[in-house]
Protein backbone atom coordinates (compact mmCIF):
# COMPACT_ATOMS: atom_id res chain seq x y z
CA UNK A 1 -10.42 1.32 -9.17
CA UNK A 2 -10.23 3.76 -6.29
CA UNK A 3 -9.64 7.45 -6.81
CA UNK A 4 -9.73 9.99 -9.56
CA UNK A 5 -8.77 9.83 -13.23
CA UNK A 6 -5.06 10.34 -12.47
CA UNK A 7 -4.90 7.04 -10.59
CA UNK A 8 -3.94 8.78 -7.35
CA UNK A 9 -6.62 8.16 -4.71
CA UNK A 10 -6.56 10.24 -1.56
CA UNK A 11 -5.91 8.74 1.84
CA UNK A 12 -9.59 9.17 2.69
CA UNK A 13 -10.69 7.43 -0.54
CA UNK A 14 -8.42 4.48 0.25
CA UNK A 15 -9.74 4.24 3.82
CA UNK A 16 -13.33 4.27 2.59
CA UNK A 17 -12.56 1.59 -0.01
CA UNK A 18 -11.03 -0.58 2.73
CA UNK A 19 -14.16 -0.18 4.85
CA UNK A 20 -16.48 -0.87 1.91
CA UNK A 21 -14.57 -3.66 0.15
CA UNK A 22 -11.83 -5.06 2.39
CA UNK A 23 -8.16 -5.42 1.38
CA UNK A 24 -6.98 -3.43 -1.65
CA UNK A 25 -4.37 -4.33 -4.23
CA UNK A 26 -2.23 -1.25 -4.85
CA UNK A 27 1.10 -0.24 -6.29
CA UNK A 28 4.14 1.00 -4.41
CA UNK A 29 7.53 2.11 -5.69
CA UNK A 30 10.37 -0.13 -4.59
CA UNK A 31 13.64 1.44 -3.45
CA UNK A 32 16.70 -0.16 -1.84
CA UNK A 33 15.39 0.93 1.59
CA UNK A 34 12.02 -0.70 0.87
CA UNK A 35 13.74 -3.95 -0.07
CA UNK A 36 15.81 -3.84 3.15
CA UNK A 37 12.85 -3.15 5.48
CA UNK A 38 12.99 -5.20 8.69
CA UNK A 39 10.36 -3.59 10.92
CA UNK A 40 8.86 -0.46 12.44
CA UNK A 41 7.33 2.47 10.58
CA UNK A 42 8.74 2.91 7.08
CA UNK A 43 9.25 6.26 5.37
CA UNK A 44 11.56 6.73 2.40
CA UNK A 45 12.22 10.22 1.08
CA UNK A 46 14.96 9.18 -1.33
CA UNK A 47 14.43 9.92 -5.02
CA UNK A 48 12.46 7.27 -6.84
CA UNK A 49 14.28 5.21 -9.46
CA UNK A 50 13.86 6.26 -13.06
CA UNK A 51 11.72 4.62 -14.20
CA UNK A 52 9.97 3.95 -10.89
CA UNK A 53 10.08 0.30 -9.84
CA UNK A 54 6.38 -0.39 -9.39
CA UNK A 55 5.33 -3.36 -7.30
CA UNK A 56 1.92 -4.67 -6.19
CA UNK A 57 1.10 -5.09 -2.50
CA UNK A 58 -2.11 -5.56 -0.51
CA UNK A 59 -3.25 -2.76 1.80
CA UNK A 60 -4.95 -4.53 4.70
CA UNK A 61 -5.50 -1.67 7.14
CA UNK A 62 -4.29 1.61 8.60
CA UNK A 63 -3.36 3.32 11.86
CA UNK A 64 -3.65 7.11 12.06
CA UNK A 65 -1.58 7.15 15.28
CA UNK A 66 1.55 5.70 13.63
CA UNK A 67 4.19 7.75 11.84
CA UNK A 68 3.70 11.37 10.87
CA UNK A 69 0.05 11.50 9.92
CA UNK A 70 -0.74 7.82 9.69
CA UNK A 71 0.40 4.57 8.11
CA UNK A 72 -0.90 1.79 5.94
CA UNK A 73 -0.50 -1.83 6.95
CA UNK A 74 0.54 -3.72 3.84
CA UNK A 75 1.25 -7.34 3.03
CA UNK A 76 3.99 -8.08 0.54
CA UNK A 77 4.48 -11.20 -1.57
CA UNK A 78 8.17 -11.59 -0.70
CA UNK A 79 7.62 -14.24 2.00
CA UNK A 80 7.61 -14.02 5.77
CA UNK A 81 11.38 -13.40 5.78
CA UNK A 82 10.79 -9.83 4.56
CA UNK A 83 9.67 -7.10 6.95
CA UNK A 84 7.46 -8.07 9.89
CA UNK A 85 6.58 -11.62 8.81
CA UNK A 86 5.73 -10.33 5.32
CA UNK A 87 4.00 -7.13 6.50
CA UNK A 88 5.02 -3.46 6.73
CA UNK A 89 3.79 -0.22 8.28
CA UNK A 90 4.36 2.44 5.61
CA UNK A 91 3.57 6.12 6.08
CA UNK A 92 0.84 7.60 3.92
CA UNK A 93 2.47 9.07 0.81
CA UNK A 94 5.78 7.22 1.11
CA UNK A 95 6.95 5.55 -2.11
CA UNK A 96 3.69 6.53 -3.80
CA UNK A 97 1.86 3.82 -1.83
CA UNK A 98 -1.74 3.35 -2.88
CA UNK A 99 -1.55 4.35 -6.51
CA UNK A 100 -3.78 2.40 -8.84
CA UNK A 101 -5.68 0.71 -6.00
CA UNK A 102 -8.18 -2.03 -6.82
CA UNK A 103 -10.37 -4.51 -4.99
CA UNK A 104 -12.14 -7.76 -5.78
CA UNK A 105 -15.89 -7.93 -5.49
CA UNK A 106 -17.17 -11.49 -5.43
CA UNK A 107 -20.42 -12.24 -7.20
CA UNK A 108 -22.50 -15.36 -7.49
CA UNK A 109 -21.77 -17.29 -10.68
CA UNK A 110 -25.40 -17.13 -11.84
CA UNK A 111 -25.27 -13.34 -12.34
């Protein structure tokens, strides 16, 4: 897992984990605006549902020049009909993106 004991890694910790390990599985809170995303840079400041609607996505990269302070490039599992062919640019911090981030580290079967 990336980050500290609260499960909330910093932007820098997530970036370093991407460099070190490749794509990260992470949670994001789903709102009606998130579900309706069609393209561009996403930022949702609406209140989160109670309880928050957690959903797993894959963080595949970032661009510090997008949005206000940078964005994550994520892939969603909702098919290519959602977002930008299944992908989204989401601003750092929006919808609690990146909480509980994990990666897979392949090892040889003989170890």
